[in-house]
Amino acid sequence: MRKHALRADLLMLLTAMIWGSGFVAQTAGMDHIGPYLFSGLRFALGSICLMPLLLRRPVSGPSPEPLLTRGLLQGGVIMGLALALGINLQQVGLLFTSVTNSGFITGLYVIVVPLLGLLLGHKTGMGTWLGCLLAVVGMFLLSVGDNFQVASGDWLQLIGAFVWGGHVILVGIFASRHDPIRLAFLQFATCSLVSLVLAVIFEPVSLQAIIGAAPALLYGGVIAVGIGYTLQVVAQKDAIASHAAIILSLEAVFAAIAGAWILGEALQLRGYIGCALMLAGMLLAQLWPRKAMA
């Protein structure tokens, strides 16, 4: 059991790394195409990436799940709708606020997840709450400068933080019941369909613009979606949702690293302190002694 938990933690850490670097691609892609089209196309690419795994998925286990069941379909669609809402709030919000503000406010789902867990009757230990607190303080130091102001896009990111918190809870619920690869494919396909419909209604669609956004789409679709979001579903099969939120929130740290490395953005001392506090929060939540539950 402990081995499975460690594997889940490492996979979520890798997911946070991929998501953090993906912020650069998300911003670059919207230099050419609208937010809905970018989301729709990259999640379509993510779906395509999973097709080989989906078709070659071996039937195993004492009671193997059929290729498609009503529960699996419902779970994938519900997760996909939450994902579509969260990712498009994030994408549209990036048009009206900075990547820095977006990363910090989105990361507030680290607090939303245990709060939603309480409403669902989940028990949350002191170590998790302290870890959440350290993570939020760390994100503030990492992401918020002296001239922090509330922009119109920040409100969209704040709504999105609650959606992302709900998405983490949903993944935790459905990933423990169904095959994670099929579940991931269904949520990607749902998110892509919703986003593309919104793009056709609200945005101009140009082949030349799509070609211009191709590098960002390839990274955002193949790496961030095809690998990153799939790893999240696989990892949360063996993870506690509140712990998952803390580890996944480290995407803010990796976003700062990617910004410094790729975009040449300097990281000040307070940023390094913020990274250290977020890492401490993750370790505290994982290592704090937990009472045995009856």
Protein backbone atom coordinates (compact mmCIF):
# COMPACT_ATOMS: atom_id res chain seq x y z
CA MET A 1 0.00 0.00 0.00
CA ARG A 2 2.83 2.38 0.93
CA LYS A 3 4.57 1.51 -2.35
CA HIS A 4 1.44 2.45 -4.31
CA ALA A 5 1.17 5.76 -2.41
CA LEU A 6 4.82 6.63 -3.15
CA ARG A 7 4.31 5.80 -6.84
CA ALA A 8 1.22 8.03 -6.91
CA ASP A 9 3.13 10.91 -5.28
CA LEU A 10 5.99 10.67 -7.79
CA LEU A 11 3.56 10.56 -10.74
CA MET A 12 1.71 13.64 -9.43
CA LEU A 13 5.03 15.44 -8.96
CA LEU A 14 5.84 14.72 -12.61
CA THR A 15 2.34 15.93 -13.54
CA ALA A 16 2.92 19.23 -11.69
CA MET A 17 6.21 19.64 -13.56
CA ILE A 18 4.48 19.13 -16.92
CA TRP A 19 1.57 21.44 -16.05
CA GLY A 20 3.92 24.18 -14.84
CA SER A 21 5.89 24.20 -18.07
CA GLY A 22 2.61 24.06 -19.99
CA PHE A 23 1.70 27.61 -18.87
CA VAL A 24 4.28 28.91 -21.34
CA ALA A 25 2.63 27.00 -24.20
CA GLN A 26 -0.85 28.13 -23.15
CA THR A 27 0.18 31.78 -23.32
CA ALA A 28 2.15 31.41 -26.57
CA GLY A 29 -0.69 29.59 -28.33
CA MET A 30 -3.10 32.49 -27.82
CA ASP A 31 -0.79 34.77 -29.81
CA HIS A 32 -2.33 33.05 -32.85
CA ILE A 33 -5.73 31.55 -31.95
CA GLY A 34 -8.51 32.09 -29.42
CA PRO A 35 -8.68 30.39 -26.03
CA TYR A 36 -11.56 28.03 -26.86
CA LEU A 37 -9.96 26.85 -30.10
CA PHE A 38 -6.63 26.33 -28.36
CA SER A 39 -8.28 24.24 -25.62
CA GLY A 40 -10.37 22.26 -28.10
CA LEU A 41 -7.48 21.39 -30.38
CA ARG A 42 -5.01 20.49 -27.66
CA PHE A 43 -7.45 18.18 -25.89
CA ALA A 44 -8.30 16.62 -29.25
CA LEU A 45 -4.56 15.92 -29.64
CA GLY A 46 -4.51 14.49 -26.12
CA SER A 47 -7.37 12.15 -27.04
CA ILE A 48 -5.54 10.99 -30.16
CA CYS A 49 -2.40 10.29 -28.11
CA LEU A 50 -4.37 7.87 -25.94
CA MET A 51 -5.91 5.95 -28.85
CA PRO A 52 -3.04 3.39 -29.16
CA LEU A 53 -3.14 2.69 -25.41
CA LEU A 54 -6.92 2.49 -25.50
CA LEU A 55 -7.02 -0.02 -28.36
CA ARG A 56 -4.23 -2.19 -26.96
CA ARG A 57 -5.44 -2.06 -23.34
CA PRO A 58 -5.16 -5.63 -21.97
CA VAL A 59 -8.07 -7.21 -20.18
CA SER A 60 -6.81 -8.10 -16.73
CA GLY A 61 -7.94 -8.53 -13.16
CA PRO A 62 -10.40 -10.88 -11.50
CA SER A 63 -13.39 -8.85 -12.73
CA PRO A 64 -12.25 -6.92 -15.82
CA GLU A 65 -14.40 -3.91 -16.74
CA PRO A 66 -16.08 -4.01 -20.17
CA LEU A 67 -14.75 -1.59 -22.80
CA LEU A 68 -17.50 0.92 -22.04
CA THR A 69 -20.00 0.91 -19.19
CA ARG A 70 -22.61 3.41 -18.12
CA GLY A 71 -20.63 4.29 -14.99
CA LEU A 72 -17.41 4.77 -16.97
CA LEU A 73 -19.18 6.97 -19.53
CA GLN A 74 -20.85 9.07 -16.82
CA GLY A 75 -17.57 9.50 -14.94
CA GLY A 76 -15.62 10.49 -18.04
CA VAL A 77 -18.26 12.97 -19.21
CA ILE A 78 -18.66 14.58 -15.76
CA MET A 79 -14.88 14.90 -15.39
CA GLY A 80 -14.67 16.27 -18.94
CA LEU A 81 -17.32 18.93 -18.30
CA ALA A 82 -15.49 20.06 -15.14
CA LEU A 83 -12.21 20.05 -17.06
CA ALA A 84 -13.72 22.08 -19.92
CA LEU A 85 -15.07 24.68 -17.50
CA GLY A 86 -11.81 24.92 -15.56
CA ILE A 87 -9.43 25.03 -18.51
CA ASN A 88 -11.49 27.59 -20.46
CA LEU A 89 -11.86 29.86 -17.43
CA GLN A 90 -8.07 29.67 -17.15
CA GLN A 91 -7.48 30.30 -20.86
CA VAL A 92 -9.90 33.24 -21.10
CA GLY A 93 -8.59 34.65 -17.83
CA LEU A 94 -5.05 34.68 -19.23
CA LEU A 95 -6.25 37.25 -21.78
CA PHE A 96 -7.05 39.71 -18.98
CA THR A 97 -4.42 39.01 -16.34
CA SER A 98 -0.79 37.99 -16.03
CA VAL A 99 0.58 34.46 -15.96
CA THR A 100 1.88 35.26 -12.45
CA ASN A 101 -1.54 36.15 -11.07
CA SER A 102 -3.12 33.24 -12.91
CA GLY A 103 -0.69 30.70 -11.49
CA PHE A 104 -1.19 31.91 -7.93
CA ILE A 105 -4.99 32.18 -7.98
CA THR A 106 -5.46 28.86 -9.80
CA GLY A 107 -3.25 27.21 -7.20
CA LEU A 108 -5.71 28.17 -4.45
CA TYR A 109 -7.48 24.87 -5.21
CA VAL A 110 -4.97 23.47 -2.69
CA ILE A 111 -7.33 24.88 -0.02
CA VAL A 112 -10.55 24.24 -1.95
CA VAL A 113 -10.00 20.47 -2.15
CA PRO A 114 -9.95 19.73 1.63
CA LEU A 115 -12.86 22.15 2.13
CA LEU A 116 -14.92 20.30 -0.47
CA GLY A 117 -13.75 17.05 1.12
CA LEU A 118 -15.28 18.12 4.43
CA LEU A 119 -18.63 18.62 2.70
CA LEU A 120 -18.34 15.06 1.35
CA GLY A 121 -17.52 13.66 4.79
CA HIS A 122 -13.79 13.14 4.18
CA LYS A 123 -11.51 13.36 7.22
CA THR A 124 -8.60 15.77 6.84
CA GLY A 125 -5.68 15.58 9.28
CA MET A 126 -3.74 18.44 10.86
CA GLY A 127 -0.72 17.72 8.66
CA THR A 128 -2.78 18.34 5.51
CA TRP A 129 -4.17 21.65 6.78
CA LEU A 130 -0.70 22.86 7.82
CA GLY A 131 0.67 21.69 4.47
CA CYS A 132 -2.07 23.63 2.64
CA LEU A 133 -1.26 26.76 4.66
CA LEU A 134 2.45 26.53 3.86
CA ALA A 135 1.66 25.92 0.20
CA VAL A 136 -0.60 28.99 -0.06
CA VAL A 137 1.97 31.23 1.67
CA GLY A 138 4.65 29.79 -0.59
CA MET A 139 2.55 30.43 -3.71
CA PHE A 140 1.96 34.01 -2.58
CA LEU A 141 5.69 34.67 -2.15
CA LEU A 142 6.48 32.93 -5.42
CA SER A 143 3.79 34.50 -7.59
CA VAL A 144 2.67 37.86 -6.16
CA GLY A 145 4.90 40.91 -6.51
CA ASP A 146 4.77 44.29 -4.74
CA ASN A 147 2.44 45.77 -7.37
CA PHE A 148 -0.13 42.94 -7.25
CA GLN A 149 -3.52 44.18 -8.44
CA VAL A 150 -6.84 42.44 -8.95
CA ALA A 151 -7.51 42.39 -12.70
CA SER A 152 -10.77 41.35 -14.37
CA GLY A 153 -9.22 38.02 -15.38
CA ASP A 154 -8.34 37.28 -11.76
CA TRP A 155 -12.01 36.75 -10.92
CA LEU A 156 -12.24 34.14 -13.68
CA GLN A 157 -9.17 32.41 -12.24
CA LEU A 158 -10.70 32.48 -8.75
CA ILE A 159 -13.89 30.80 -10.01
CA GLY A 160 -11.62 28.37 -11.83
CA ALA A 161 -9.82 27.50 -8.59
CA PHE A 162 -13.09 26.14 -7.19
CA VAL A 163 -13.71 24.23 -10.42
CA TRP A 164 -10.18 22.72 -10.29
CA GLY A 165 -10.77 21.73 -6.69
CA GLY A 166 -13.96 19.96 -7.73
CA HIS A 167 -12.13 18.30 -10.62
CA VAL A 168 -9.46 16.87 -8.29
CA ILE A 169 -12.24 15.44 -6.09
CA LEU A 170 -14.04 13.96 -9.12
CA VAL A 171 -10.87 12.35 -10.45
CA GLY A 172 -10.24 10.81 -7.04
CA ILE A 173 -13.76 9.36 -6.97
CA PHE A 174 -13.95 7.94 -10.50
CA ALA A 175 -10.32 6.85 -10.91
CA SER A 176 -10.74 4.43 -8.02
CA ARG A 177 -13.72 2.79 -9.77
CA HIS A 178 -12.79 2.63 -13.45
CA ASP A 179 -9.90 2.06 -15.84
CA PRO A 180 -7.84 5.30 -15.73
CA ILE A 181 -6.83 5.29 -19.42
CA ARG A 182 -10.40 4.97 -20.69
CA LEU A 183 -11.53 7.52 -18.11
CA ALA A 184 -8.85 9.99 -19.25
CA PHE A 185 -9.79 9.49 -22.92
CA LEU A 186 -13.46 10.19 -22.24
CA GLN A 187 -12.74 13.36 -20.27
CA PHE A 188 -10.34 14.64 -22.96
CA ALA A 189 -12.88 13.96 -25.73
CA THR A 190 -15.66 15.69 -23.77
CA CYS A 191 -13.49 18.72 -23.00
CA SER A 192 -12.38 18.95 -26.64
CA LEU A 193 -15.94 18.76 -27.98
CA VAL A 194 -17.27 21.43 -25.61
CA SER A 195 -14.33 23.75 -26.33
CA LEU A 196 -14.56 23.34 -30.12
CA VAL A 197 -18.29 24.09 -30.08
CA LEU A 198 -17.55 27.29 -28.11
CA ALA A 199 -14.78 28.16 -30.59
CA VAL A 200 -17.09 27.79 -33.61
CA ILE A 201 -19.69 30.03 -31.92
CA PHE A 202 -17.44 32.76 -30.49
CA GLU A 203 -14.11 32.75 -32.35
CA PRO A 204 -12.74 33.04 -35.90
CA VAL A 205 -11.25 29.76 -37.09
CA SER A 206 -8.35 30.04 -39.53
CA LEU A 207 -6.08 27.27 -40.78
CA GLN A 208 -3.16 29.69 -41.09
CA ALA A 209 -3.59 30.78 -37.47
CA ILE A 210 -3.74 27.15 -36.33
CA ILE A 211 -0.49 26.43 -38.18
CA GLY A 212 1.09 29.41 -36.42
CA ALA A 213 0.01 28.00 -33.04
CA ALA A 214 1.20 24.46 -33.96
CA PRO A 215 4.31 24.32 -31.69
CA ALA A 216 2.32 25.44 -28.64
CA LEU A 217 -0.54 23.09 -29.56
CA LEU A 218 1.81 20.13 -29.91
CA TYR A 219 3.35 20.71 -26.50
CA GLY A 220 0.04 21.59 -24.86
CA GLY A 221 -1.76 18.63 -26.46
CA VAL A 222 0.80 15.83 -26.48
CA ILE A 223 2.80 16.64 -23.33
CA ALA A 224 0.51 18.66 -21.02
CA VAL A 225 -2.71 16.79 -21.89
CA GLY A 226 -1.74 13.42 -23.35
CA ILE A 227 0.88 12.77 -20.69
CA GLY A 228 0.17 15.22 -17.84
CA TYR A 229 -3.59 14.84 -17.36
CA THR A 230 -3.37 11.08 -17.97
CA LEU A 231 -0.74 10.76 -15.23
CA GLN A 232 -3.07 12.68 -12.91
CA VAL A 233 -5.88 10.16 -13.41
CA VAL A 234 -3.53 7.17 -13.07
CA ALA A 235 -1.87 8.60 -9.94
CA GLN A 236 -5.07 9.61 -8.15
CA LYS A 237 -6.24 6.00 -8.27
CA ASP A 238 -3.97 5.46 -5.23
CA ALA A 239 -3.92 8.95 -3.71
CA ILE A 240 -5.81 11.00 -1.13
CA ALA A 241 -7.44 13.98 -2.87
CA SER A 242 -6.24 16.60 -0.36
CA HIS A 243 -2.66 15.31 -0.62
CA ALA A 244 -2.93 15.24 -4.41
CA ALA A 245 -3.95 18.92 -4.42
CA ILE A 246 -0.82 19.93 -2.49
CA ILE A 247 1.52 18.02 -4.79
CA LEU A 248 -0.24 19.18 -7.96
CA SER A 249 -0.11 22.80 -6.75
CA LEU A 250 3.66 22.60 -7.16
CA GLU A 251 2.93 23.42 -10.80
CA ALA A 252 3.38 27.05 -9.67
CA VAL A 253 6.99 26.27 -8.74
CA PHE A 254 7.68 24.58 -12.06
CA ALA A 255 5.94 27.42 -13.92
CA ALA A 256 8.37 29.85 -12.27
CA ILE A 257 11.31 27.63 -13.23
CA ALA A 258 10.06 27.34 -16.81
CA GLY A 259 9.53 31.10 -16.97
CA ALA A 260 13.10 31.72 -15.78
CA TRP A 261 14.60 29.11 -18.12
CA ILE A 262 12.54 29.63 -21.28
CA LEU A 263 11.35 33.24 -21.02
CA GLY A 264 14.31 34.62 -19.05
CA GLU A 265 12.14 35.79 -16.13
CA ALA A 266 14.25 36.41 -13.01
CA LEU A 267 13.28 34.67 -9.76
CA GLN A 268 13.92 36.85 -6.72
CA LEU A 269 14.81 35.70 -3.19
CA ARG A 270 11.18 35.71 -2.09
CA GLY A 271 10.44 33.40 -5.01
CA TYR A 272 13.02 30.89 -3.83
CA ILE A 273 11.59 31.11 -0.29
CA GLY A 274 8.12 30.50 -1.75
CA CYS A 275 9.34 27.40 -3.60
CA ALA A 276 10.90 26.09 -0.40
CA LEU A 277 7.68 26.67 1.59
CA MET A 278 5.59 24.85 -1.03
CA LEU A 279 7.97 21.90 -0.96
CA ALA A 280 7.84 21.93 2.85
CA GLY A 281 4.03 21.94 2.71
CA MET A 282 4.00 18.91 0.44
CA LEU A 283 6.42 17.00 2.69
CA LEU A 284 4.52 17.98 5.84
CA ALA A 285 1.22 16.70 4.46
CA GLN A 286 2.82 13.41 3.41
CA LEU A 287 4.96 12.72 6.49
CA TRP A 288 2.79 14.07 9.36
CA PRO A 289 1.72 11.07 11.50
CA ARG A 290 -1.88 10.12 10.84
CA LYS A 291 -4.18 8.47 13.34
CA ALA A 292 -5.36 5.03 12.45
CA MET A 293 -8.97 5.13 11.29
CA ALA A 294 -11.46 2.60 12.51
